[in-house]
PDB file of all heavy atoms in Angstrom:
ATOM      1  N   GLU A   1      66.972 205.317 282.760  1.00  0.00           N
ATOM      2  CA  GLU A   1      66.788 206.636 283.139  1.00  0.00           C
ATOM      3  C   GLU A   1      65.372 206.926 283.458  1.00  0.00           C
ATOM      4  O   GLU A   1      64.557 207.125 282.605  1.00  0.00           O
ATOM      5  CB  GLU A   1      67.249 207.653 282.005  1.00  0.00           C
ATOM      6  CG  GLU A   1      68.763 207.548 281.667  1.00  0.00           C
ATOM      7  CD  GLU A   1      69.646 208.278 282.749  1.00  0.00           C
ATOM      8  OE1 GLU A   1      69.070 208.988 283.544  1.00  0.00           O
ATOM      9  OE2 GLU A   1      70.854 207.990 282.730  1.00  0.00           O
ATOM     10  N   MET A   2      65.059 206.822 284.765  1.00  0.00           N
ATOM     11  CA  MET A   2      63.613 206.893 285.125  1.00  0.00           C
ATOM     12  C   MET A   2      63.030 208.243 284.953  1.00  0.00           C
ATOM     13  O   MET A   2      61.770 208.302 284.660  1.00  0.00           O
ATOM     14  CB  MET A   2      63.508 206.410 286.606  1.00  0.00           C
ATOM     15  CG  MET A   2      63.793 204.976 286.861  1.00  0.00           C
ATOM     16  SD  MET A   2      63.196 204.444 288.433  1.00  0.00           S
ATOM     17  CE  MET A   2      64.580 203.591 289.000  1.00  0.00           C
ATOM     18  N   GLY A   3      63.798 209.333 285.146  1.00  0.00           N
ATOM     19  CA  GLY A   3      63.264 210.624 284.839  1.00  0.00           C
ATOM     20  C   GLY A   3      62.811 210.773 283.499  1.00  0.00           C
ATOM     21  O   GLY A   3      61.698 211.339 283.179  1.00  0.00           O
ATOM     22  N   PHE A   4      63.675 210.300 282.499  1.00  0.00           N
ATOM     23  CA  PHE A   4      63.349 210.351 281.084  1.00  0.00           C
ATOM     24  C   PHE A   4      62.042 209.526 280.827  1.00  0.00           C
ATOM     25  O   PHE A   4      61.095 210.026 280.094  1.00  0.00           O
ATOM     26  CB  PHE A   4      64.470 209.739 280.243  1.00  0.00           C
ATOM     27  CG  PHE A   4      64.136 209.650 278.767  1.00  0.00           C
ATOM     28  CD1 PHE A   4      64.179 210.722 277.870  1.00  0.00           C
ATOM     29  CD2 PHE A   4      63.696 208.403 278.321  1.00  0.00           C
ATOM     30  CE1 PHE A   4      63.904 210.595 276.594  1.00  0.00           C
ATOM     31  CE2 PHE A   4      63.369 208.278 276.887  1.00  0.00           C
ATOM     32  CZ  PHE A   4      63.454 209.297 276.128  1.00  0.00           C
ATOM     33  N   ALA A   5      61.932 208.350 281.439  1.00  0.00           N
ATOM     34  CA  ALA A   5      60.711 207.469 281.139  1.00  0.00           C
ATOM     35  C   ALA A   5      59.472 208.191 281.667  1.00  0.00           C
ATOM     36  O   ALA A   5      58.501 208.116 281.089  1.00  0.00           O
ATOM     37  CB  ALA A   5      60.970 206.193 281.893  1.00  0.00           C
ATOM     38  N   ARG A   6      59.611 208.783 282.885  1.00  0.00           N
ATOM     39  CA  ARG A   6      58.377 209.448 283.482  1.00  0.00           C
ATOM     40  C   ARG A   6      57.972 210.625 282.462  1.00  0.00           C
ATOM     41  O   ARG A   6      56.806 210.775 282.300  1.00  0.00           O
ATOM     42  CB  ARG A   6      58.736 210.052 284.782  1.00  0.00           C
ATOM     43  CG  ARG A   6      58.630 209.104 285.934  1.00  0.00           C
ATOM     44  CD  ARG A   6      58.901 209.866 287.247  1.00  0.00           C
ATOM     45  NE  ARG A   6      59.032 209.014 288.422  1.00  0.00           N
ATOM     46  CZ  ARG A   6      57.945 208.735 289.209  1.00  0.00           C
ATOM     47  NH1 ARG A   6      56.797 209.265 288.897  1.00  0.00           N
ATOM     48  NH2 ARG A   6      58.080 207.992 290.246  1.00  0.00           N
ATOM     49  N   ASP A   7      58.906 211.370 281.968  1.00  0.00           N
ATOM     50  CA  ASP A   7      58.581 212.546 281.169  1.00  0.00           C
ATOM     51  C   ASP A   7      58.113 212.205 279.781  1.00  0.00           C
ATOM     52  O   ASP A   7      57.318 212.896 279.186  1.00  0.00           O
ATOM     53  CB  ASP A   7      59.846 213.423 280.989  1.00  0.00           C
ATOM     54  CG  ASP A   7      60.173 214.067 282.306  1.00  0.00           C
ATOM     55  OD1 ASP A   7      59.378 214.074 283.278  1.00  0.00           O
ATOM     56  OD2 ASP A   7      61.334 214.650 282.450  1.00  0.00           O
ATOM     57  N   VAL A   8      58.595 211.102 279.149  1.00  0.00           N
ATOM     58  CA  VAL A   8      58.459 210.890 277.743  1.00  0.00           C
ATOM     59  C   VAL A   8      57.604 209.624 277.406  1.00  0.00           C
ATOM     60  O   VAL A   8      56.826 209.652 276.506  1.00  0.00           O
ATOM     61  CB  VAL A   8      59.839 210.731 277.061  1.00  0.00           C
ATOM     62  CG1 VAL A   8      59.708 210.267 275.593  1.00  0.00           C
ATOM     63  CG2 VAL A   8      60.599 212.092 277.163  1.00  0.00           C
ATOM     64  N   ALA A   9      57.752 208.531 278.221  1.00  0.00           N
ATOM     65  CA  ALA A   9      57.115 207.300 277.833  1.00  0.00           C
ATOM     66  C   ALA A   9      55.560 207.348 277.895  1.00  0.00           C
ATOM     67  O   ALA A   9      54.940 207.840 278.818  1.00  0.00           O
ATOM     68  CB  ALA A   9      57.707 206.188 278.637  1.00  0.00           C
ATOM     69  N   ASP A  10      54.944 206.659 276.837  1.00  0.00           N
ATOM     70  CA  ASP A  10      53.487 206.436 276.969  1.00  0.00           C
ATOM     71  C   ASP A  10      53.320 205.101 277.824  1.00  0.00           C
ATOM     72  O   ASP A  10      52.242 204.868 278.418  1.00  0.00           O
ATOM     73  CB  ASP A  10      52.905 206.196 275.634  1.00  0.00           C
ATOM     74  CG  ASP A  10      52.980 207.446 274.741  1.00  0.00           C
ATOM     75  OD1 ASP A  10      52.585 208.503 275.218  1.00  0.00           O
ATOM     76  OD2 ASP A  10      53.547 207.360 273.595  1.00  0.00           O
ATOM     77  N   ARG A  11      54.337 204.263 277.669  1.00  0.00           N
ATOM     78  CA  ARG A  11      54.217 202.952 278.372  1.00  0.00           C
ATOM     79  C   ARG A  11      55.628 202.456 278.708  1.00  0.00           C
ATOM     80  O   ARG A  11      56.513 202.675 277.998  1.00  0.00           O
ATOM     81  CB  ARG A  11      53.616 201.908 277.361  1.00  0.00           C
ATOM     82  CG  ARG A  11      53.432 200.556 277.845  1.00  0.00           C
ATOM     83  CD  ARG A  11      52.532 199.701 276.930  1.00  0.00           C
ATOM     84  NE  ARG A  11      52.710 199.855 275.513  1.00  0.00           N
ATOM     85  CZ  ARG A  11      53.139 198.870 274.716  1.00  0.00           C
ATOM     86  NH1 ARG A  11      53.411 197.682 275.218  1.00  0.00           N
ATOM     87  NH2 ARG A  11      53.339 199.100 273.477  1.00  0.00           N
ATOM     88  N   VAL A  12      55.709 201.900 279.912  1.00  0.00           N
ATOM     89  CA  VAL A  12      56.946 201.239 280.386  1.00  0.00           C
ATOM     90  C   VAL A  12      56.786 199.709 280.472  1.00  0.00           C
ATOM     91  O   VAL A  12      55.789 199.290 281.013  1.00  0.00           O
ATOM     92  CB  VAL A  12      57.411 201.846 281.707  1.00  0.00           C
ATOM     93  CG1 VAL A  12      58.644 201.074 282.282  1.00  0.00           C
ATOM     94  CG2 VAL A  12      57.653 203.395 281.619  1.00  0.00           C
ATOM     95  N   CYS A  13      57.735 198.983 279.866  1.00  0.00           N
ATOM     96  CA  CYS A  13      57.645 197.536 279.969  1.00  0.00           C
ATOM     97  C   CYS A  13      58.850 196.974 280.769  1.00  0.00           C
ATOM     98  O   CYS A  13      59.961 197.317 280.405  1.00  0.00           O
ATOM     99  CB  CYS A  13      57.660 196.900 278.521  1.00  0.00           C
ATOM    100  SG  CYS A  13      56.359 197.398 277.529  1.00  0.00           S
ATOM    101  N   PHE A  14      58.578 196.210 281.764  1.00  0.00           N
ATOM    102  CA  PHE A  14      59.624 195.660 282.620  1.00  0.00           C
ATOM    103  C   PHE A  14      59.849 194.210 282.160  1.00  0.00           C
ATOM    104  O   PHE A  14      58.928 193.340 282.219  1.00  0.00           O
ATOM    105  CB  PHE A  14      59.299 195.689 284.041  1.00  0.00           C
ATOM    106  CG  PHE A  14      60.226 194.948 284.925  1.00  0.00           C
ATOM    107  CD1 PHE A  14      61.569 195.401 285.107  1.00  0.00           C
ATOM    108  CD2 PHE A  14      59.868 193.788 285.597  1.00  0.00           C
ATOM    109  CE1 PHE A  14      62.474 194.718 285.855  1.00  0.00           C
ATOM    110  CE2 PHE A  14      60.841 193.097 286.415  1.00  0.00           C
ATOM    111  CZ  PHE A  14      62.104 193.587 286.545  1.00  0.00           C
ATOM    112  N   PHE A  15      61.169 193.915 281.728  1.00  0.00           N
ATOM    113  CA  PHE A  15      61.533 192.627 281.235  1.00  0.00           C
ATOM    114  C   PHE A  15      62.148 191.782 282.364  1.00  0.00           C
ATOM    115  O   PHE A  15      62.891 192.280 283.149  1.00  0.00           O
ATOM    116  CB  PHE A  15      62.575 192.761 280.124  1.00  0.00           C
ATOM    117  CG  PHE A  15      62.024 192.986 278.739  1.00  0.00           C
ATOM    118  CD1 PHE A  15      61.359 194.141 278.450  1.00  0.00           C
ATOM    119  CD2 PHE A  15      62.235 191.995 277.737  1.00  0.00           C
ATOM    120  CE1 PHE A  15      60.882 194.380 277.152  1.00  0.00           C
ATOM    121  CE2 PHE A  15      61.814 192.269 276.513  1.00  0.00           C
ATOM    122  CZ  PHE A  15      61.096 193.436 276.207  1.00  0.00           C
ATOM    123  N   ASP A  16      61.894 190.493 282.319  1.00  0.00           N
ATOM    124  CA  ASP A  16      62.692 189.583 283.127  1.00  0.00           C
ATOM    125  C   ASP A  16      62.551 188.164 282.585  1.00  0.00           C
ATOM    126  O   ASP A  16      61.475 187.733 282.263  1.00  0.00           O
ATOM    127  CB  ASP A  16      62.220 189.613 284.621  1.00  0.00           C
ATOM    128  CG  ASP A  16      63.219 188.908 285.571  1.00  0.00           C
ATOM    129  OD1 ASP A  16      64.370 189.073 285.329  1.00  0.00           O
ATOM    130  OD2 ASP A  16      62.851 188.306 286.504  1.00  0.00           O
ATOM    131  N   GLY A  17      63.681 187.546 282.321  1.00  0.00           N
ATOM    132  CA  GLY A  17      63.656 186.147 281.895  1.00  0.00           C
ATOM    133  C   GLY A  17      62.993 185.954 280.492  1.00  0.00           C
ATOM    134  O   GLY A  17      62.340 184.996 280.236  1.00  0.00           O
ATOM    135  N   GLY A  18      63.270 186.951 279.698  1.00  0.00           N
ATOM    136  CA  GLY A  18      62.801 186.795 278.250  1.00  0.00           C
ATOM    137  C   GLY A  18      61.307 187.066 278.043  1.00  0.00           C
ATOM    138  O   GLY A  18      60.741 186.737 277.041  1.00  0.00           O
ATOM    139  N   GLN A  19      60.685 187.689 279.035  1.00  0.00           N
ATOM    140  CA  GLN A  19      59.258 188.041 278.979  1.00  0.00           C
ATOM    141  C   GLN A  19      59.035 189.431 279.545  1.00  0.00           C
ATOM    142  O   GLN A  19      59.828 189.838 280.349  1.00  0.00           O
ATOM    143  CB  GLN A  19      58.476 187.025 279.793  1.00  0.00           C
ATOM    144  CG  GLN A  19      58.411 185.580 279.278  1.00  0.00           C
ATOM    145  CD  GLN A  19      57.439 185.453 278.153  1.00  0.00           C
ATOM    146  OE1 GLN A  19      56.798 186.355 277.768  1.00  0.00           O
ATOM    147  NE2 GLN A  19      57.353 184.172 277.644  1.00  0.00           N
ATOM    148  N   ILE A  20      57.988 190.028 279.101  1.00  0.00           N
ATOM    149  CA  ILE A  20      57.467 191.267 279.766  1.00  0.00           C
ATOM    150  C   ILE A  20      56.669 190.823 280.929  1.00  0.00           C
ATOM    151  O   ILE A  20      55.566 190.260 280.808  1.00  0.00           O
ATOM    152  CB  ILE A  20      56.696 192.173 278.817  1.00  0.00           C
ATOM    153  CG1 ILE A  20      57.573 192.673 277.685  1.00  0.00           C
ATOM    154  CG2 ILE A  20      56.090 193.344 279.576  1.00  0.00           C
ATOM    155  CD1 ILE A  20      56.840 193.405 276.558  1.00  0.00           C
ATOM    156  N   VAL A  21      57.176 191.071 282.162  1.00  0.00           N
ATOM    157  CA  VAL A  21      56.381 190.606 283.347  1.00  0.00           C
ATOM    158  C   VAL A  21      55.419 191.707 283.926  1.00  0.00           C
ATOM    159  O   VAL A  21      54.622 191.370 284.728  1.00  0.00           O
ATOM    160  CB  VAL A  21      57.442 190.068 284.467  1.00  0.00           C
ATOM    161  CG1 VAL A  21      58.173 188.901 283.888  1.00  0.00           C
ATOM    162  CG2 VAL A  21      58.347 191.168 284.917  1.00  0.00           C
ATOM    163  N   GLU A  22      55.754 192.963 283.522  1.00  0.00           N
ATOM    164  CA  GLU A  22      54.797 193.991 283.919  1.00  0.00           C
ATOM    165  C   GLU A  22      54.884 195.156 282.923  1.00  0.00           C
ATOM    166  O   GLU A  22      56.012 195.534 282.485  1.00  0.00           O
ATOM    167  CB  GLU A  22      55.185 194.415 285.322  1.00  0.00           C
ATOM    168  CG  GLU A  22      54.186 195.565 285.934  1.00  0.00           C
ATOM    169  CD  GLU A  22      54.291 195.775 287.441  1.00  0.00           C
ATOM    170  OE1 GLU A  22      55.001 195.085 288.086  1.00  0.00           O
ATOM    171  OE2 GLU A  22      53.582 196.661 287.903  1.00  0.00           O
ATOM    172  N   GLU A  23      53.814 195.762 282.692  1.00  0.00           N
ATOM    173  CA  GLU A  23      53.826 196.975 281.801  1.00  0.00           C
ATOM    174  C   GLU A  23      52.678 197.927 282.176  1.00  0.00           C
ATOM    175  O   GLU A  23      51.651 197.454 282.713  1.00  0.00           O
ATOM    176  CB  GLU A  23      53.702 196.597 280.333  1.00  0.00           C
ATOM    177  CG  GLU A  23      52.443 195.910 279.857  1.00  0.00           C
ATOM    178  CD  GLU A  23      52.543 195.593 278.404  1.00  0.00           C
ATOM    179  OE1 GLU A  23      52.657 196.463 277.633  1.00  0.00           O
ATOM    180  OE2 GLU A  23      52.296 194.402 278.088  1.00  0.00           O
ATOM    181  N   GLY A  24      52.862 199.193 281.946  1.00  0.00           N
ATOM    182  CA  GLY A  24      51.844 200.167 282.324  1.00  0.00           C
ATOM    183  C   GLY A  24      52.357 201.564 282.050  1.00  0.00           C
ATOM    184  O   GLY A  24      53.392 201.741 281.499  1.00  0.00           O
ATOM    185  N   ASP A  25      51.489 202.574 282.298  1.00  0.00           N
ATOM    186  CA  ASP A  25      51.961 203.930 282.187  1.00  0.00           C
ATOM    187  C   ASP A  25      53.086 204.186 283.248  1.00  0.00           C
ATOM    188  O   ASP A  25      53.131 203.528 284.311  1.00  0.00           O
ATOM    189  CB  ASP A  25      50.875 204.959 282.255  1.00  0.00           C
ATOM    190  CG  ASP A  25      50.245 205.009 283.666  1.00  0.00           C
ATOM    191  OD1 ASP A  25      50.841 205.558 284.616  1.00  0.00           O
ATOM    192  OD2 ASP A  25      49.111 204.473 283.789  1.00  0.00           O
ATOM    193  N   PRO A  26      53.993 205.201 282.964  1.00  0.00           N
ATOM    194  CA  PRO A  26      55.102 205.309 283.937  1.00  0.00           C
ATOM    195  C   PRO A  26      54.698 205.621 285.388  1.00  0.00           C
ATOM    196  O   PRO A  26      55.355 205.137 286.288  1.00  0.00           O
ATOM    197  CB  PRO A  26      55.808 206.616 283.310  1.00  0.00           C
ATOM    198  CG  PRO A  26      55.409 206.701 281.855  1.00  0.00           C
ATOM    199  CD  PRO A  26      53.993 206.110 281.809  1.00  0.00           C
ATOM    200  N   GLU A  27      53.646 206.399 285.547  1.00  0.00           N
ATOM    201  CA  GLU A  27      53.256 206.675 286.945  1.00  0.00           C
ATOM    202  C   GLU A  27      52.889 205.413 287.679  1.00  0.00           C
ATOM    203  O   GLU A  27      53.262 205.275 288.865  1.00  0.00           O
ATOM    204  CB  GLU A  27      52.051 207.664 286.862  1.00  0.00           C
ATOM    205  CG  GLU A  27      51.741 208.360 288.209  1.00  0.00           C
ATOM    206  CD  GLU A  27      52.989 209.206 288.630  1.00  0.00           C
ATOM    207  OE1 GLU A  27      53.695 209.816 287.760  1.00  0.00           O
ATOM    208  OE2 GLU A  27      53.092 209.382 289.837  1.00  0.00           O
ATOM    209  N   GLN A  28      52.166 204.486 287.048  1.00  0.00           N
ATOM    210  CA  GLN A  28      51.800 203.359 287.754  1.00  0.00           C
ATOM    211  C   GLN A  28      52.952 202.384 287.989  1.00  0.00           C
ATOM    212  O   GLN A  28      53.222 201.922 289.119  1.00  0.00           O
ATOM    213  CB  GLN A  28      50.756 202.516 286.909  1.00  0.00           C
ATOM    214  CG  GLN A  28      50.271 201.266 287.573  1.00  0.00           C
ATOM    215  CD  GLN A  28      50.969 200.057 286.976  1.00  0.00           C
ATOM    216  OE1 GLN A  28      51.002 199.806 285.692  1.00  0.00           O
ATOM    217  NE2 GLN A  28      51.597 199.220 287.808  1.00  0.00           N
ATOM    218  N   ILE A  29      53.923 202.305 287.044  1.00  0.00           N
ATOM    219  CA  ILE A  29      55.041 201.423 287.166  1.00  0.00           C
ATOM    220  C   ILE A  29      55.981 201.927 288.283  1.00  0.00           C
ATOM    221  O   ILE A  29      56.468 201.226 289.074  1.00  0.00           O
ATOM    222  CB  ILE A  29      55.796 201.264 285.786  1.00  0.00           C
ATOM    223  CG1 ILE A  29      55.060 200.535 284.762  1.00  0.00           C
ATOM    224  CG2 ILE A  29      57.200 200.630 286.065  1.00  0.00           C
ATOM    225  CD1 ILE A  29      54.878 199.014 284.980  1.00  0.00           C
ATOM    226  N   PHE A  30      56.167 203.214 288.276  1.00  0.00           N
ATOM    227  CA  PHE A  30      57.180 203.792 289.272  1.00  0.00           C
ATOM    228  C   PHE A  30      56.609 203.992 290.653  1.00  0.00           C
ATOM    229  O   PHE A  30      57.403 203.973 291.604  1.00  0.00           O
ATOM    230  CB  PHE A  30      57.795 205.043 288.697  1.00  0.00           C
ATOM    231  CG  PHE A  30      58.638 204.830 287.491  1.00  0.00           C
ATOM    232  CD1 PHE A  30      58.449 205.726 286.346  1.00  0.00           C
ATOM    233  CD2 PHE A  30      59.573 203.833 287.414  1.00  0.00           C
ATOM    234  CE1 PHE A  30      59.249 205.495 285.212  1.00  0.00           C
ATOM    235  CE2 PHE A  30      60.333 203.597 286.309  1.00  0.00           C
ATOM    236  CZ  PHE A  30      60.172 204.444 285.169  1.00  0.00           C
ATOM    237  N   THR A  31      55.322 204.235 290.784  1.00  0.00           N
ATOM    238  CA  THR A  31      54.756 204.481 292.136  1.00  0.00           C
ATOM    239  C   THR A  31      54.123 203.207 292.685  1.00  0.00           C
ATOM    240  O   THR A  31      54.104 203.155 293.950  1.00  0.00           O
ATOM    241  CB  THR A  31      53.826 205.654 292.046  1.00  0.00           C
ATOM    242  OG1 THR A  31      52.751 205.377 291.156  1.00  0.00           O
ATOM    243  CG2 THR A  31      54.456 206.926 291.591  1.00  0.00           C
ATOM    244  N   ALA A  32      53.573 202.386 291.833  1.00  0.00           N
ATOM    245  CA  ALA A  32      52.855 201.235 292.468  1.00  0.00           C
ATOM    246  C   ALA A  32      53.032 199.969 291.609  1.00  0.00           C
ATOM    247  O   ALA A  32      52.058 199.453 291.041  1.00  0.00           O
ATOM    248  CB  ALA A  32      51.396 201.559 292.584  1.00  0.00           C
ATOM    249  N   PRO A  33      54.285 199.526 291.377  1.00  0.00           N
ATOM    250  CA  PRO A  33      54.565 198.296 290.623  1.00  0.00           C
ATOM    251  C   PRO A  33      53.774 197.156 291.221  1.00  0.00           C
ATOM    252  O   PRO A  33      53.704 197.032 292.508  1.00  0.00           O
ATOM    253  CB  PRO A  33      56.064 198.112 290.672  1.00  0.00           C
ATOM    254  CG  PRO A  33      56.502 198.922 291.783  1.00  0.00           C
ATOM    255  CD  PRO A  33      55.562 200.082 291.980  1.00  0.00           C
ATOM    256  N   LYS A  34      53.297 196.283 290.418  1.00  0.00           N
ATOM    257  CA  LYS A  34      52.350 195.186 290.881  1.00  0.00           C
ATOM    258  C   LYS A  34      53.230 193.988 291.210  1.00  0.00           C
ATOM    259  O   LYS A  34      52.750 193.111 292.057  1.00  0.00           O
ATOM    260  CB  LYS A  34      51.346 194.811 289.820  1.00  0.00           C
ATOM    261  CG  LYS A  34      50.280 196.030 289.587  1.00  0.00           C
ATOM    262  CD  LYS A  34      49.398 195.677 288.363  1.00  0.00           C
ATOM    263  CE  LYS A  34      48.476 196.886 288.130  1.00  0.00           C
ATOM    264  NZ  LYS A  34      47.767 196.705 286.821  1.00  0.00           N
ATOM    265  N   THR A  35      54.370 193.812 290.586  1.00  0.00           N
ATOM    266  CA  THR A  35      55.100 192.579 290.849  1.00  0.00           C
ATOM    267  C   THR A  35      56.293 192.833 291.732  1.00  0.00           C
ATOM    268  O   THR A  35      57.012 193.874 291.683  1.00  0.00           O
ATOM    269  CB  THR A  35      55.652 191.993 289.498  1.00  0.00           C
ATOM    270  OG1 THR A  35      56.564 192.801 288.946  1.00  0.00           O
ATOM    271  CG2 THR A  35      54.499 191.649 288.598  1.00  0.00           C
ATOM    272  N   GLU A  36      56.650 191.881 292.573  1.00  0.00           N
ATOM    273  CA  GLU A  36      57.786 192.023 293.516  1.00  0.00           C
ATOM    274  C   GLU A  36      59.089 192.183 292.742  1.00  0.00           C
ATOM    275  O   GLU A  36      59.997 192.888 293.140  1.00  0.00           O
ATOM    276  CB  GLU A  36      57.831 190.840 294.478  1.00  0.00           C
ATOM    277  CG  GLU A  36      59.040 190.870 295.408  1.00  0.00           C
ATOM    278  CD  GLU A  36      59.073 192.110 296.288  1.00  0.00           C
ATOM    279  OE1 GLU A  36      57.971 192.719 296.606  1.00  0.00           O
ATOM    280  OE2 GLU A  36      60.147 192.502 296.698  1.00  0.00           O
ATOM    281  N   ARG A  37      59.168 191.361 291.599  1.00  0.00           N
ATOM    282  CA  ARG A  37      60.450 191.480 290.803  1.00  0.00           C
ATOM    283  C   ARG A  37      60.643 192.949 290.290  1.00  0.00           C
ATOM    284  O   ARG A  37      61.787 193.364 290.314  1.00  0.00           O
ATOM    285  CB  ARG A  37      60.357 190.450 289.654  1.00  0.00           C
ATOM    286  CG  ARG A  37      61.612 190.317 288.853  1.00  0.00           C
ATOM    287  CD  ARG A  37      62.668 189.650 289.683  1.00  0.00           C
ATOM    288  NE  ARG A  37      63.997 189.732 288.990  1.00  0.00           N
ATOM    289  CZ  ARG A  37      64.796 190.783 289.150  1.00  0.00           C
ATOM    290  NH1 ARG A  37      64.585 191.800 289.876  1.00  0.00           N
ATOM    291  NH2 ARG A  37      66.041 190.761 288.531  1.00  0.00           N
ATOM    292  N   CYS A  38      59.579 193.571 289.799  1.00  0.00           N
ATOM    293  CA  CYS A  38      59.735 194.937 289.402  1.00  0.00           C
ATOM    294  C   CYS A  38      60.102 195.822 290.447  1.00  0.00           C
ATOM    295  O   CYS A  38      60.936 196.764 290.333  1.00  0.00           O
ATOM    296  CB  CYS A  38      58.448 195.370 288.724  1.00  0.00           C
ATOM    297  SG  CYS A  38      58.523 196.905 287.793  1.00  0.00           S
ATOM    298  N   ARG A  39      59.434 195.656 291.625  1.00  0.00           N
ATOM    299  CA  ARG A  39      59.835 196.527 292.811  1.00  0.00           C
ATOM    300  C   ARG A  39      61.257 196.392 293.160  1.00  0.00           C
ATOM    301  O   ARG A  39      61.961 197.441 293.375  1.00  0.00           O
ATOM    302  CB  ARG A  39      58.948 196.042 293.971  1.00  0.00           C
ATOM    303  CG  ARG A  39      57.499 196.682 293.946  1.00  0.00           C
ATOM    304  CD  ARG A  39      56.762 196.529 295.300  1.00  0.00           C
ATOM    305  NE  ARG A  39      56.413 195.186 295.565  1.00  0.00           N
ATOM    306  CZ  ARG A  39      55.337 194.529 295.154  1.00  0.00           C
ATOM    307  NH1 ARG A  39      54.423 195.192 294.486  1.00  0.00           N
ATOM    308  NH2 ARG A  39      55.100 193.309 295.524  1.00  0.00           N
ATOM    309  N   GLN A  40      61.822 195.154 293.137  1.00  0.00           N
ATOM    310  CA  GLN A  40      63.206 194.938 293.489  1.00  0.00           C
ATOM    311  C   GLN A  40      64.124 195.648 292.527  1.00  0.00           C
ATOM    312  O   GLN A  40      65.082 196.283 292.926  1.00  0.00           O
ATOM    313  CB  GLN A  40      63.535 193.459 293.469  1.00  0.00           C
ATOM    314  CG  GLN A  40      62.938 192.564 294.601  1.00  0.00           C
ATOM    315  CD  GLN A  40      63.165 191.119 294.358  1.00  0.00           C
ATOM    316  OE1 GLN A  40      63.535 190.683 293.318  1.00  0.00           O
ATOM    317  NE2 GLN A  40      62.828 190.325 295.401  1.00  0.00           N
ATOM    318  N   PHE A  41      63.802 195.520 291.220  1.00  0.00           N
ATOM    319  CA  PHE A  41      64.611 196.176 290.231  1.00  0.00           C
ATOM    320  C   PHE A  41      64.622 197.649 290.352  1.00  0.00           C
ATOM    321  O   PHE A  41      65.682 198.313 290.381  1.00  0.00           O
ATOM    322  CB  PHE A  41      64.104 195.764 288.808  1.00  0.00           C
ATOM    323  CG  PHE A  41      64.807 196.502 287.661  1.00  0.00           C
ATOM    324  CD1 PHE A  41      66.097 196.128 287.304  1.00  0.00           C
ATOM    325  CD2 PHE A  41      64.247 197.617 287.115  1.00  0.00           C
ATOM    326  CE1 PHE A  41      66.704 196.766 286.283  1.00  0.00           C
ATOM    327  CE2 PHE A  41      64.852 198.241 286.065  1.00  0.00           C
ATOM    328  CZ  PHE A  41      66.132 197.892 285.690  1.00  0.00           C
ATOM    329  N   LEU A  42      63.463 198.217 290.568  1.00  0.00           N
ATOM    330  CA  LEU A  42      63.419 199.734 290.677  1.00  0.00           C
ATOM    331  C   LEU A  42      64.197 200.189 291.973  1.00  0.00           C
ATOM    332  O   LEU A  42      64.877 201.213 291.882  1.00  0.00           O
ATOM    333  CB  LEU A  42      62.018 200.165 290.710  1.00  0.00           C
ATOM    334  CG  LEU A  42      61.192 199.984 289.476  1.00  0.00           C
ATOM    335  CD1 LEU A  42      59.715 200.363 289.605  1.00  0.00           C
ATOM    336  CD2 LEU A  42      61.810 200.848 288.288  1.00  0.00           C
TER     337      LEU A  42
END
């Protein structure tokens, strides 16, 4: 639920393959994810 994450989370962690591959504040993760895998998932 991305709306909930944007409103409530201090930090969002994106998991893939048993690791956190990207983390940051919701605004950064949802508007400018740094990894292609995170972009694909969103």
